Amino acid sequence: MELTTSTSTSSSAPRPRNRVRDADGMAVAAFVLGLVGLLVMNILLGPIAIGLAVLALRRGTTRRGRAMLGLGLGIADLAVLATLVTMDGTVSWSIA
């Protein structure tokens, strides 16, 4: 009986399918965070949505449209925040 070990370096590198799946998840997360960020915590969720969308696009997501929507919504989050800060003069805001 002979024992052999695998010296393949491919086990440490991520497989392309897992990388695309991760990128798809990032695209969906960017979209959801950008959408939620329009209503609450846009100072935090906007930049996170932008970062996830850019990472998803760089990693070659199959959900390119969703990543682009996440990017646009993240930018819209920051635009809404800037508008509300300009009108109110504070970072915190309320609808009432």
Protein backbone atom coordinates (compact mmCIF):
# COMPACT_ATOMS: atom_id res chain seq x y z
CA MET A 1 0.00 0.00 0.00
CA GLU A 2 1.46 3.30 -1.07
CA LEU A 3 0.45 6.67 0.31
CA THR A 4 0.72 9.66 -1.95
CA THR A 5 0.05 13.30 -1.35
CA SER A 6 -1.31 15.77 -3.80
CA THR A 7 1.09 18.59 -4.61
CA SER A 8 -1.41 20.46 -6.70
CA THR A 9 -1.47 24.20 -6.06
CA SER A 10 -4.96 24.56 -7.49
CA SER A 11 -6.56 23.57 -4.18
CA SER A 12 -5.42 26.84 -2.59
CA ALA A 13 -6.64 29.01 -5.46
CA PRO A 14 -10.39 29.69 -5.68
CA ARG A 15 -12.14 27.86 -8.46
CA PRO A 16 -13.68 30.06 -11.19
CA ARG A 17 -17.23 28.87 -10.48
CA ASN A 18 -17.00 29.80 -6.78
CA ARG A 19 -15.55 33.17 -7.70
CA VAL A 20 -18.47 33.92 -10.04
CA ARG A 21 -20.96 32.74 -7.40
CA ASP A 22 -19.34 35.07 -4.87
CA ALA A 23 -19.52 37.92 -7.38
CA ASP A 24 -23.21 37.19 -7.98
CA GLY A 25 -23.83 37.35 -4.24
CA MET A 26 -21.99 40.66 -4.04
CA ALA A 27 -24.13 42.07 -6.86
CA VAL A 28 -27.35 41.10 -5.06
CA ALA A 29 -26.04 42.44 -1.74
CA ALA A 30 -25.08 45.75 -3.39
CA PHE A 31 -28.58 46.09 -4.84
CA VAL A 32 -30.31 45.31 -1.53
CA LEU A 33 -28.05 47.56 0.55
CA GLY A 34 -28.42 50.41 -1.94
CA LEU A 35 -32.19 50.06 -1.88
CA VAL A 36 -32.41 49.94 1.92
CA GLY A 37 -29.90 52.77 2.15
CA LEU A 38 -32.33 55.14 0.45
CA LEU A 39 -34.49 54.94 3.57
CA VAL A 40 -32.15 54.37 6.51
CA MET A 41 -28.43 54.66 7.32
CA ASN A 42 -27.47 55.96 3.90
CA ILE A 43 -24.16 57.28 5.24
CA LEU A 44 -23.12 53.68 5.95
CA LEU A 45 -25.00 51.60 3.38
CA GLY A 46 -24.27 53.82 0.35
CA PRO A 47 -20.49 53.36 0.34
CA ILE A 48 -20.83 49.65 1.14
CA ALA A 49 -23.20 49.20 -1.82
CA ILE A 50 -20.79 51.04 -4.10
CA GLY A 51 -17.84 48.93 -2.95
CA LEU A 52 -19.69 45.63 -3.37
CA ALA A 53 -20.96 46.62 -6.81
CA VAL A 54 -17.49 47.54 -8.01
CA LEU A 55 -16.04 44.28 -6.66
CA ALA A 56 -18.81 42.25 -8.31
CA LEU A 57 -18.21 43.94 -11.65
CA ARG A 58 -14.45 43.39 -11.42
CA ARG A 59 -14.91 39.72 -10.61
CA GLY A 60 -17.12 39.19 -13.65
CA THR A 61 -20.58 38.67 -12.20
CA THR A 62 -23.29 37.19 -14.37
CA ARG A 63 -25.74 39.60 -12.71
CA ARG A 64 -24.20 42.69 -14.25
CA GLY A 65 -27.48 44.62 -14.31
CA ARG A 66 -28.07 44.05 -10.62
CA ALA A 67 -24.52 45.20 -9.83
CA MET A 68 -25.05 48.35 -11.91
CA LEU A 69 -28.31 49.02 -10.05
CA GLY A 70 -26.48 48.56 -6.75
CA LEU A 71 -23.84 51.03 -7.89
CA GLY A 72 -26.46 53.56 -8.96
CA LEU A 73 -28.45 53.15 -5.75
CA GLY A 74 -25.30 53.54 -3.65
CA ILE A 75 -24.52 56.80 -5.43
CA ALA A 76 -28.16 57.86 -4.99
CA ASP A 77 -27.85 57.13 -1.26
CA LEU A 78 -24.99 59.58 -0.98
CA ALA A 79 -26.81 62.15 -3.13
CA VAL A 80 -29.89 61.92 -0.89
CA LEU A 81 -27.68 62.29 2.17
CA ALA A 82 -25.93 65.34 0.70
CA THR A 83 -29.26 66.94 -0.19
CA LEU A 84 -30.75 66.34 3.24
CA VAL A 85 -27.63 67.58 5.01
CA THR A 86 -27.67 70.73 2.90
CA MET A 87 -31.34 71.37 3.62
CA ASP A 88 -31.27 70.50 7.33
CA GLY A 89 -27.69 71.23 8.29
CA THR A 90 -27.22 67.96 10.21
CA VAL A 91 -26.20 64.43 9.31
CA SER A 92 -29.21 62.93 11.07
CA TRP A 93 -32.59 63.46 9.48
CA SER A 94 -36.18 62.42 9.94
CA ILE A 95 -39.24 62.43 7.73
CA ALA A 96 -41.45 64.23 10.28
